[in-house]
Amino acid sequence: MPNLQEMTLSLEQEKKKIRRAILWGAPFLLLLIYFIYFFVFKELITTIQDILNLAPHVRIATGSLLAITVIPMLILILVMLAVKSINPAHATIRWLNKAFNITMFAGIFLLLIGVPIATFLQYRYMPPLGYSPCNILQGNPNKWSNDWVRNPQWCVRGKDRAWVEEQAAKR
């Protein structure tokens, strides 16, 4: 059984390790949060707004749903690192671990269930809203994004979203 002095020494070593990890980990996590927010989460919000406003063109990336859980997960990691660097044995860490586990479970659920359901739902509900699938437009960032246009004549290989917007403005 370790004595009090050994436990104190162990806690101090743990604090030092965590503080060293924060030096490179915190900037990396903040940059990752920034990237996911501005390039994934904001795109998800824009997509939802476009659908609600019946925009002439909508690009749906079902994988962007994961940003809903990834951002809170990364923020929780930052907070856990900060709390552990002050006091690794603090009771708040148990609560933070539970919150992290819940967000991780939600992320896994979204990945395994939510993304396939979102893909199914877009093919089920976009046509009744007046949209046609159009995955031949230029500028599609990846193969997991689906483009939808309100007029099938706007689905022209080699054209991009700006061209679709111009065509819609002419009408």
N, C-alpha and C. Protein backbone atom coordinates (compact mmCIF):
# COMPACT_ATOMS: atom_id res chain seq x y z
N MET A 1 0.85 -1.18 0.00
CA MET A 1 0.00 0.00 0.00
C MET A 1 0.90 1.24 0.00
N PRO A 2 0.71 2.13 -1.01
CA PRO A 2 1.56 3.33 -1.07
C PRO A 2 1.24 4.28 0.09
N ASN A 3 2.29 4.92 0.59
CA ASN A 3 2.05 5.87 1.67
C ASN A 3 1.68 7.24 1.10
N LEU A 4 1.37 8.17 1.99
CA LEU A 4 0.90 9.50 1.59
C LEU A 4 1.94 10.25 0.79
N GLN A 5 3.21 10.11 1.15
CA GLN A 5 4.28 10.81 0.44
C GLN A 5 4.39 10.30 -1.00
N GLU A 6 4.29 9.00 -1.19
CA GLU A 6 4.36 8.43 -2.54
C GLU A 6 3.17 8.88 -3.38
N MET A 7 1.99 8.92 -2.76
CA MET A 7 0.79 9.36 -3.50
C MET A 7 0.91 10.83 -3.89
N THR A 8 1.44 11.66 -3.00
CA THR A 8 1.62 13.08 -3.30
C THR A 8 2.61 13.25 -4.43
N LEU A 9 3.71 12.50 -4.38
CA LEU A 9 4.71 12.55 -5.44
C LEU A 9 4.11 12.11 -6.76
N SER A 10 3.30 11.07 -6.72
CA SER A 10 2.65 10.58 -7.93
C SER A 10 1.70 11.62 -8.52
N LEU A 11 0.94 12.30 -7.66
CA LEU A 11 0.02 13.35 -8.13
C LEU A 11 0.79 14.51 -8.75
N GLU A 12 1.91 14.88 -8.16
CA GLU A 12 2.73 15.97 -8.70
C GLU A 12 3.31 15.58 -10.06
N GLN A 13 3.76 14.35 -10.20
CA GLN A 13 4.26 13.89 -11.49
C GLN A 13 3.15 13.89 -12.54
N GLU A 14 1.96 13.49 -12.12
CA GLU A 14 0.80 13.50 -13.03
C GLU A 14 0.50 14.93 -13.49
N LYS A 15 0.54 15.88 -12.56
CA LYS A 15 0.29 17.29 -12.91
C LYS A 15 1.32 17.78 -13.93
N LYS A 16 2.59 17.43 -13.71
CA LYS A 16 3.64 17.86 -14.63
C LYS A 16 3.43 17.28 -16.03
N LYS A 17 3.06 16.01 -16.10
CA LYS A 17 2.80 15.38 -17.41
C LYS A 17 1.65 16.08 -18.12
N ILE A 18 0.60 16.36 -17.38
CA ILE A 18 -0.58 17.00 -17.98
C ILE A 18 -0.25 18.42 -18.42
N ARG A 19 0.51 19.15 -17.62
CA ARG A 19 0.89 20.52 -18.00
C ARG A 19 1.75 20.53 -19.26
N ARG A 20 2.62 19.54 -19.40
CA ARG A 20 3.41 19.43 -20.64
C ARG A 20 2.51 19.11 -21.82
N ALA A 21 1.52 18.24 -21.60
CA ALA A 21 0.59 17.89 -22.68
C ALA A 21 -0.25 19.09 -23.09
N ILE A 22 -0.57 19.95 -22.14
CA ILE A 22 -1.38 21.14 -22.45
C ILE A 22 -0.62 22.08 -23.38
N LEU A 23 0.70 22.15 -23.23
CA LEU A 23 1.49 23.08 -24.05
C LEU A 23 1.29 22.87 -25.54
N TRP A 24 1.22 21.62 -25.98
CA TRP A 24 0.98 21.37 -27.41
C TRP A 24 -0.46 20.95 -27.66
N GLY A 25 -1.09 20.34 -26.67
CA GLY A 25 -2.44 19.82 -26.86
C GLY A 25 -3.51 20.89 -26.93
N ALA A 26 -3.43 21.89 -26.06
CA ALA A 26 -4.46 22.93 -26.04
C ALA A 26 -4.50 23.72 -27.35
N PRO A 27 -3.37 24.21 -27.87
CA PRO A 27 -3.44 24.90 -29.17
C PRO A 27 -3.97 24.01 -30.29
N PHE A 28 -3.54 22.75 -30.29
CA PHE A 28 -4.02 21.82 -31.31
C PHE A 28 -5.53 21.62 -31.20
N LEU A 29 -6.03 21.40 -29.99
CA LEU A 29 -7.47 21.20 -29.80
C LEU A 29 -8.26 22.45 -30.16
N LEU A 30 -7.75 23.63 -29.78
CA LEU A 30 -8.44 24.88 -30.13
C LEU A 30 -8.49 25.07 -31.64
N LEU A 31 -7.39 24.75 -32.31
CA LEU A 31 -7.36 24.85 -33.77
C LEU A 31 -8.34 23.86 -34.40
N LEU A 32 -8.40 22.67 -33.86
CA LEU A 32 -9.32 21.65 -34.36
C LEU A 32 -10.78 22.09 -34.15
N ILE A 33 -11.08 22.63 -32.99
CA ILE A 33 -12.44 23.14 -32.72
C ILE A 33 -12.79 24.25 -33.70
N TYR A 34 -11.85 25.16 -33.91
CA TYR A 34 -12.05 26.27 -34.85
C TYR A 34 -12.34 25.73 -36.25
N PHE A 35 -11.51 24.79 -36.70
CA PHE A 35 -11.68 24.21 -38.03
C PHE A 35 -13.04 23.52 -38.16
N ILE A 36 -13.39 22.69 -37.22
CA ILE A 36 -14.66 21.96 -37.28
C ILE A 36 -15.84 22.92 -37.23
N TYR A 37 -15.75 23.96 -36.40
CA TYR A 37 -16.85 24.90 -36.30
C TYR A 37 -17.04 25.66 -37.62
N PHE A 38 -15.97 26.24 -38.14
CA PHE A 38 -16.12 27.10 -39.32
C PHE A 38 -16.25 26.34 -40.63
N PHE A 39 -15.72 25.14 -40.72
CA PHE A 39 -15.77 24.42 -42.00
C PHE A 39 -16.75 23.26 -42.02
N VAL A 40 -17.25 22.86 -40.87
CA VAL A 40 -18.19 21.74 -40.84
C VAL A 40 -19.52 22.16 -40.22
N PHE A 41 -19.48 22.65 -39.00
CA PHE A 41 -20.71 22.99 -38.29
C PHE A 41 -21.46 24.14 -38.97
N LYS A 42 -20.73 25.20 -39.37
CA LYS A 42 -21.39 26.32 -40.05
C LYS A 42 -21.98 25.88 -41.39
N GLU A 43 -21.32 24.94 -42.05
CA GLU A 43 -21.85 24.41 -43.31
C GLU A 43 -23.14 23.63 -43.05
N LEU A 44 -23.20 22.92 -41.95
CA LEU A 44 -24.42 22.20 -41.56
C LEU A 44 -25.56 23.19 -41.33
N ILE A 45 -25.30 24.27 -40.63
CA ILE A 45 -26.31 25.29 -40.38
C ILE A 45 -26.76 25.93 -41.69
N THR A 46 -25.80 26.22 -42.57
CA THR A 46 -26.13 26.80 -43.88
C THR A 46 -27.01 25.85 -44.68
N THR A 47 -26.70 24.57 -44.64
CA THR A 47 -27.50 23.57 -45.36
C THR A 47 -28.93 23.55 -44.84
N ILE A 48 -29.09 23.56 -43.53
CA ILE A 48 -30.44 23.57 -42.94
C ILE A 48 -31.19 24.82 -43.35
N GLN A 49 -30.51 25.98 -43.31
CA GLN A 49 -31.16 27.23 -43.73
C GLN A 49 -31.55 27.18 -45.21
N ASP A 50 -30.67 26.64 -46.05
CA ASP A 50 -30.97 26.54 -47.48
C ASP A 50 -32.20 25.66 -47.72
N ILE A 51 -32.31 24.57 -47.01
CA ILE A 51 -33.47 23.69 -47.17
C ILE A 51 -34.74 24.40 -46.73
N LEU A 52 -34.67 25.07 -45.59
CA LEU A 52 -35.84 25.79 -45.08
C LEU A 52 -36.26 26.93 -46.00
N ASN A 53 -35.29 27.57 -46.65
CA ASN A 53 -35.58 28.69 -47.56
C ASN A 53 -35.81 28.24 -49.00
N LEU A 54 -35.78 26.93 -49.24
CA LEU A 54 -35.94 26.36 -50.58
C LEU A 54 -34.99 27.02 -51.58
N ALA A 55 -33.72 27.04 -51.22
CA ALA A 55 -32.69 27.63 -52.08
C ALA A 55 -32.60 26.86 -53.39
N PRO A 56 -32.11 27.50 -54.46
CA PRO A 56 -32.01 26.82 -55.76
C PRO A 56 -31.04 25.64 -55.73
N HIS A 57 -30.08 25.68 -54.82
CA HIS A 57 -29.09 24.61 -54.72
C HIS A 57 -28.84 24.31 -53.25
N VAL A 58 -28.74 23.03 -52.92
CA VAL A 58 -28.41 22.61 -51.55
C VAL A 58 -27.36 21.52 -51.63
N ARG A 59 -26.32 21.67 -50.80
CA ARG A 59 -25.30 20.63 -50.70
C ARG A 59 -25.43 20.02 -49.31
N ILE A 60 -25.70 18.71 -49.28
CA ILE A 60 -25.89 18.02 -48.01
C ILE A 60 -24.72 17.08 -47.78
N ALA A 61 -24.02 17.32 -46.67
CA ALA A 61 -22.93 16.44 -46.24
C ALA A 61 -23.39 15.79 -44.93
N THR A 62 -23.87 14.57 -45.02
CA THR A 62 -24.44 13.93 -43.84
C THR A 62 -23.41 13.73 -42.73
N GLY A 63 -22.15 13.60 -43.08
CA GLY A 63 -21.11 13.42 -42.08
C GLY A 63 -20.92 14.64 -41.19
N SER A 64 -21.39 15.79 -41.66
CA SER A 64 -21.25 17.01 -40.85
C SER A 64 -22.09 16.94 -39.57
N LEU A 65 -23.02 16.00 -39.51
CA LEU A 65 -23.79 15.81 -38.28
C LEU A 65 -22.88 15.49 -37.10
N LEU A 66 -21.75 14.87 -37.38
CA LEU A 66 -20.84 14.49 -36.31
C LEU A 66 -20.27 15.69 -35.56
N ALA A 67 -20.25 16.87 -36.20
CA ALA A 67 -19.75 18.07 -35.54
C ALA A 67 -20.57 18.40 -34.30
N ILE A 68 -21.82 17.97 -34.29
CA ILE A 68 -22.69 18.23 -33.14
C ILE A 68 -22.12 17.59 -31.87
N THR A 69 -21.45 16.47 -31.99
CA THR A 69 -20.89 15.81 -30.82
C THR A 69 -19.38 16.00 -30.71
N VAL A 70 -18.69 16.19 -31.81
CA VAL A 70 -17.23 16.29 -31.77
C VAL A 70 -16.79 17.58 -31.08
N ILE A 71 -17.45 18.69 -31.38
CA ILE A 71 -17.06 19.96 -30.76
C ILE A 71 -17.21 19.90 -29.24
N PRO A 72 -18.36 19.47 -28.69
CA PRO A 72 -18.44 19.37 -27.22
C PRO A 72 -17.42 18.39 -26.64
N MET A 73 -17.13 17.31 -27.37
CA MET A 73 -16.15 16.34 -26.90
C MET A 73 -14.77 16.99 -26.78
N LEU A 74 -14.37 17.77 -27.77
CA LEU A 74 -13.07 18.43 -27.73
C LEU A 74 -13.01 19.49 -26.63
N ILE A 75 -14.11 20.19 -26.43
CA ILE A 75 -14.16 21.18 -25.35
C ILE A 75 -14.04 20.48 -24.00
N LEU A 76 -14.71 19.35 -23.84
CA LEU A 76 -14.59 18.59 -22.59
C LEU A 76 -13.16 18.12 -22.35
N ILE A 77 -12.47 17.72 -23.41
CA ILE A 77 -11.07 17.31 -23.26
C ILE A 77 -10.23 18.47 -22.76
N LEU A 78 -10.44 19.66 -23.32
CA LEU A 78 -9.70 20.84 -22.86
C LEU A 78 -9.97 21.12 -21.39
N VAL A 79 -11.23 21.08 -21.01
CA VAL A 79 -11.59 21.35 -19.61
C VAL A 79 -10.99 20.28 -18.70
N MET A 80 -11.05 19.02 -19.11
CA MET A 80 -10.48 17.94 -18.29
C MET A 80 -8.98 18.13 -18.11
N LEU A 81 -8.29 18.52 -19.19
CA LEU A 81 -6.85 18.76 -19.07
C LEU A 81 -6.57 19.90 -18.09
N ALA A 82 -7.36 20.97 -18.17
CA ALA A 82 -7.17 22.11 -17.27
C ALA A 82 -7.40 21.71 -15.81
N VAL A 83 -8.49 20.98 -15.57
CA VAL A 83 -8.80 20.56 -14.19
C VAL A 83 -7.73 19.59 -13.68
N LYS A 84 -7.32 18.65 -14.52
CA LYS A 84 -6.31 17.68 -14.09
C LYS A 84 -4.95 18.33 -13.85
N SER A 85 -4.66 19.41 -14.57
CA SER A 85 -3.36 20.08 -14.36
C SER A 85 -3.33 20.81 -13.02
N ILE A 86 -4.50 21.13 -12.48
CA ILE A 86 -4.57 21.78 -11.17
C ILE A 86 -4.63 20.75 -10.06
N ASN A 87 -5.56 19.78 -10.22
CA ASN A 87 -5.73 18.75 -9.19
C ASN A 87 -6.23 17.47 -9.85
N PRO A 88 -5.35 16.52 -10.14
CA PRO A 88 -5.75 15.29 -10.83
C PRO A 88 -6.76 14.43 -10.08
N ALA A 89 -6.89 14.64 -8.77
CA ALA A 89 -7.80 13.80 -7.99
C ALA A 89 -9.13 14.51 -7.71
N HIS A 90 -9.38 15.60 -8.38
CA HIS A 90 -10.60 16.38 -8.10
C HIS A 90 -11.86 15.62 -8.53
N ALA A 91 -12.92 15.78 -7.77
CA ALA A 91 -14.18 15.08 -8.04
C ALA A 91 -14.83 15.52 -9.34
N THR A 92 -14.52 16.72 -9.80
CA THR A 92 -15.10 17.23 -11.05
C THR A 92 -14.70 16.35 -12.23
N ILE A 93 -13.56 15.73 -12.14
CA ILE A 93 -13.06 14.89 -13.23
C ILE A 93 -14.00 13.72 -13.50
N ARG A 94 -14.58 13.16 -12.45
CA ARG A 94 -15.54 12.06 -12.65
C ARG A 94 -16.75 12.55 -13.43
N TRP A 95 -17.25 13.73 -13.10
CA TRP A 95 -18.39 14.29 -13.83
C TRP A 95 -18.01 14.57 -15.28
N LEU A 96 -16.82 15.13 -15.49
CA LEU A 96 -16.35 15.41 -16.85
C LEU A 96 -16.17 14.13 -17.65
N ASN A 97 -15.67 13.07 -17.01
CA ASN A 97 -15.53 11.78 -17.70
C ASN A 97 -16.88 11.23 -18.11
N LYS A 98 -17.88 11.36 -17.24
CA LYS A 98 -19.23 10.89 -17.58
C LYS A 98 -19.79 11.69 -18.76
N ALA A 99 -19.61 13.02 -18.71
CA ALA A 99 -20.09 13.86 -19.82
C ALA A 99 -19.37 13.50 -21.12
N PHE A 100 -18.07 13.25 -21.04
CA PHE A 100 -17.30 12.86 -22.22
C PHE A 100 -17.81 11.53 -22.78
N ASN A 101 -18.05 10.57 -21.89
CA ASN A 101 -18.56 9.26 -22.33
C ASN A 101 -19.92 9.39 -23.00
N ILE A 102 -20.77 10.27 -22.48
CA ILE A 102 -22.09 10.48 -23.08
C ILE A 102 -21.95 11.08 -24.48
N THR A 103 -21.07 12.09 -24.63
CA THR A 103 -20.89 12.68 -25.96
C THR A 103 -20.24 11.70 -26.92
N MET A 104 -19.34 10.86 -26.42
CA MET A 104 -18.73 9.86 -27.29
C MET A 104 -19.78 8.84 -27.74
N PHE A 105 -20.62 8.42 -26.83
CA PHE A 105 -21.70 7.49 -27.19
C PHE A 105 -22.62 8.13 -28.22
N ALA A 106 -22.96 9.40 -28.01
CA ALA A 106 -23.82 10.11 -28.96
C ALA A 106 -23.14 10.20 -30.33
N GLY A 107 -21.83 10.44 -30.34
CA GLY A 107 -21.10 10.51 -31.61
C GLY A 107 -21.09 9.18 -32.34
N ILE A 108 -20.87 8.11 -31.59
CA ILE A 108 -20.90 6.78 -32.20
C ILE A 108 -22.30 6.47 -32.72
N PHE A 109 -23.31 6.84 -31.95
CA PHE A 109 -24.69 6.64 -32.38
C PHE A 109 -24.97 7.41 -33.68
N LEU A 110 -24.53 8.68 -33.73
CA LEU A 110 -24.73 9.47 -34.95
C LEU A 110 -24.00 8.86 -36.13
N LEU A 111 -22.81 8.36 -35.89
CA LEU A 111 -22.03 7.76 -36.97
C LEU A 111 -22.68 6.49 -37.50
N LEU A 112 -23.11 5.63 -36.59
CA LEU A 112 -23.65 4.34 -37.00
C LEU A 112 -25.12 4.39 -37.40
N ILE A 113 -25.90 5.26 -36.77
CA ILE A 113 -27.33 5.31 -37.02
C ILE A 113 -27.75 6.61 -37.71
N GLY A 114 -27.28 7.74 -37.19
CA GLY A 114 -27.72 9.05 -37.67
C GLY A 114 -27.34 9.35 -39.11
N VAL A 115 -26.09 9.08 -39.48
CA VAL A 115 -25.63 9.38 -40.84
C VAL A 115 -26.39 8.53 -41.87
N PRO A 116 -26.52 7.22 -41.67
CA PRO A 116 -27.32 6.45 -42.64
C PRO A 116 -28.78 6.90 -42.70
N ILE A 117 -29.37 7.24 -41.56
CA ILE A 117 -30.76 7.71 -41.56
C ILE A 117 -30.85 9.05 -42.27
N ALA A 118 -29.89 9.94 -42.05
CA ALA A 118 -29.90 11.25 -42.73
C ALA A 118 -29.77 11.07 -44.23
N THR A 119 -28.96 10.12 -44.65
CA THR A 119 -28.83 9.84 -46.08
C THR A 119 -30.15 9.33 -46.65
N PHE A 120 -30.76 8.41 -45.95
CA PHE A 120 -32.07 7.90 -46.37
C PHE A 120 -33.10 9.02 -46.43
N LEU A 121 -33.15 9.86 -45.40
CA LEU A 121 -34.15 10.92 -45.32
C LEU A 121 -34.00 11.95 -46.43
N GLN A 122 -32.75 12.26 -46.81
CA GLN A 122 -32.60 13.25 -47.87
C GLN A 122 -33.15 12.72 -49.19
N TYR A 123 -32.95 11.44 -49.48
CA TYR A 123 -33.49 10.89 -50.72
C TYR A 123 -35.00 10.69 -50.63
N ARG A 124 -35.52 10.65 -49.45
CA ARG A 124 -36.96 10.49 -49.24
C ARG A 124 -37.69 11.83 -49.30
N TYR A 125 -37.09 12.88 -48.69
CA TYR A 125 -37.82 14.15 -48.53
C TYR A 125 -37.37 15.29 -49.43
N MET A 126 -36.21 15.21 -50.04
CA MET A 126 -35.78 16.30 -50.93
C MET A 126 -36.61 16.34 -52.22
N PRO A 127 -36.91 15.21 -52.88
CA PRO A 127 -37.75 15.29 -54.09
C PRO A 127 -39.13 15.91 -53.84
N PRO A 128 -39.84 15.58 -52.76
CA PRO A 128 -41.13 16.25 -52.53
C PRO A 128 -40.99 17.76 -52.30
N LEU A 129 -39.81 18.21 -51.89
CA LEU A 129 -39.58 19.65 -51.72
C LEU A 129 -39.24 20.32 -53.06
N GLY A 130 -39.15 19.52 -54.11
CA GLY A 130 -38.88 20.07 -55.44
C GLY A 130 -37.44 19.97 -55.87
N TYR A 131 -36.64 19.20 -55.17
CA TYR A 131 -35.22 19.07 -55.50
C TYR A 131 -34.95 17.80 -56.28
N SER A 132 -33.94 17.89 -57.16
CA SER A 132 -33.46 16.74 -57.91
C SER A 132 -32.00 16.50 -57.54
N PRO A 133 -31.59 15.23 -57.43
CA PRO A 133 -30.17 14.98 -57.12
C PRO A 133 -29.30 15.41 -58.29
N CYS A 134 -28.14 15.98 -57.97
CA CYS A 134 -27.22 16.45 -59.01
C CYS A 134 -25.80 16.38 -58.47
N ASN A 135 -25.16 15.25 -58.63
CA ASN A 135 -23.80 15.10 -58.11
C ASN A 135 -22.73 15.26 -59.18
N ILE A 136 -23.06 16.00 -60.25
CA ILE A 136 -22.06 16.22 -61.30
C ILE A 136 -21.57 17.66 -61.33
N LEU A 137 -22.05 18.49 -60.41
CA LEU A 137 -21.57 19.88 -60.34
C LEU A 137 -20.13 19.90 -59.85
N GLN A 138 -19.37 20.88 -60.34
CA GLN A 138 -18.00 21.05 -59.89
C GLN A 138 -17.98 21.60 -58.47
N GLY A 139 -16.87 21.38 -57.79
CA GLY A 139 -16.67 21.96 -56.48
C GLY A 139 -17.21 21.13 -55.33
N ASN A 140 -17.66 19.92 -55.63
CA ASN A 140 -18.13 19.06 -54.57
C ASN A 140 -16.91 18.65 -53.75
N PRO A 141 -16.88 18.98 -52.44
CA PRO A 141 -15.66 18.78 -51.66
C PRO A 141 -15.28 17.31 -51.43
N ASN A 142 -16.25 16.42 -51.47
CA ASN A 142 -15.94 15.01 -51.24
C ASN A 142 -17.06 14.14 -51.78
N LYS A 143 -16.82 12.86 -51.78
CA LYS A 143 -17.82 11.94 -52.34
C LYS A 143 -18.98 11.70 -51.38
N TRP A 144 -18.91 12.24 -50.16
CA TRP A 144 -19.98 12.03 -49.20
C TRP A 144 -20.96 13.20 -49.17
N SER A 145 -20.74 14.19 -50.03
CA SER A 145 -21.67 15.32 -50.13
C SER A 145 -22.59 15.08 -51.32
N ASN A 146 -23.83 15.45 -51.15
CA ASN A 146 -24.80 15.32 -52.23
C ASN A 146 -25.33 16.69 -52.59
N ASP A 147 -25.32 16.99 -53.89
CA ASP A 147 -25.88 18.24 -54.39
C ASP A 147 -27.31 18.00 -54.84
N TRP A 148 -28.16 18.98 -54.55
CA TRP A 148 -29.55 18.94 -54.96
C TRP A 148 -29.89 20.28 -55.61
N VAL A 149 -30.62 20.24 -56.73
CA VAL A 149 -31.03 21.47 -57.41
C VAL A 149 -32.55 21.49 -57.55
N ARG A 150 -33.12 22.70 -57.55
CA ARG A 150 -34.57 22.84 -57.64
C ARG A 150 -35.08 22.60 -59.06
N ASN A 151 -34.21 22.81 -60.04
CA ASN A 151 -34.60 22.61 -61.44
C ASN A 151 -33.62 21.61 -62.05
N PRO A 152 -34.08 20.47 -62.55
CA PRO A 152 -33.16 19.46 -63.11
C PRO A 152 -32.33 19.99 -64.28
N GLN A 153 -32.79 21.04 -64.95
CA GLN A 153 -32.03 21.61 -66.07
C GLN A 153 -30.77 22.32 -65.59
N TRP A 154 -30.69 22.61 -64.31
CA TRP A 154 -29.51 23.27 -63.75
C TRP A 154 -28.41 22.26 -63.41
N CYS A 155 -28.67 21.01 -63.61
CA CYS A 155 -27.69 19.96 -63.32
C CYS A 155 -26.88 19.73 -64.60
N VAL A 156 -25.78 20.48 -64.73
CA VAL A 156 -24.96 20.44 -65.93
C VAL A 156 -23.52 20.14 -65.52
N ARG A 157 -22.97 19.09 -66.14
CA ARG A 157 -21.58 18.72 -65.84
C ARG A 157 -20.66 19.89 -66.18
N GLY A 158 -19.72 20.15 -65.28
CA GLY A 158 -18.75 21.22 -65.50
C GLY A 158 -19.17 22.55 -64.91
N LYS A 159 -20.42 22.70 -64.53
CA LYS A 159 -20.89 23.94 -63.92
C LYS A 159 -20.79 23.82 -62.40
N ASP A 160 -20.85 24.96 -61.71
CA ASP A 160 -20.73 24.93 -60.26
C ASP A 160 -21.95 25.57 -59.60
N ARG A 161 -21.89 25.68 -58.28
CA ARG A 161 -23.03 26.22 -57.52
C ARG A 161 -23.31 27.67 -57.89
N ALA A 162 -22.26 28.44 -58.15
CA ALA A 162 -22.45 29.84 -58.54
C ALA A 162 -23.26 29.93 -59.84
N TRP A 163 -22.99 29.04 -60.77
CA TRP A 163 -23.73 29.03 -62.03
C TRP A 163 -25.20 28.70 -61.78
N VAL A 164 -25.46 27.76 -60.89
CA VAL A 164 -26.84 27.40 -60.55
C VAL A 164 -27.54 28.62 -59.94
N GLU A 165 -26.85 29.35 -59.07
CA GLU A 165 -27.42 30.55 -58.47
C GLU A 165 -27.73 31.60 -59.54
N GLU A 166 -26.84 31.75 -60.53
CA GLU A 166 -27.08 32.69 -61.64
C GLU A 166 -28.31 32.28 -62.43
N GLN A 167 -28.45 31.00 -62.71
CA GLN A 167 -29.60 30.51 -63.47
C GLN A 167 -30.89 30.77 -62.70
N ALA A 168 -30.85 30.56 -61.40
CA ALA A 168 -32.04 30.78 -60.57
C ALA A 168 -32.39 32.27 -60.53
N ALA A 169 -31.37 33.14 -60.52
CA ALA A 169 -31.62 34.58 -60.50
C ALA A 169 -32.24 35.06 -61.80
N LYS A 170 -31.94 34.38 -62.92
CA LYS A 170 -32.50 34.76 -64.22
C LYS A 170 -33.98 34.46 -64.32
N ARG A 171 -34.44 33.48 -63.55
CA ARG A 171 -35.85 33.06 -63.62
C ARG A 171 -36.75 34.03 -62.95
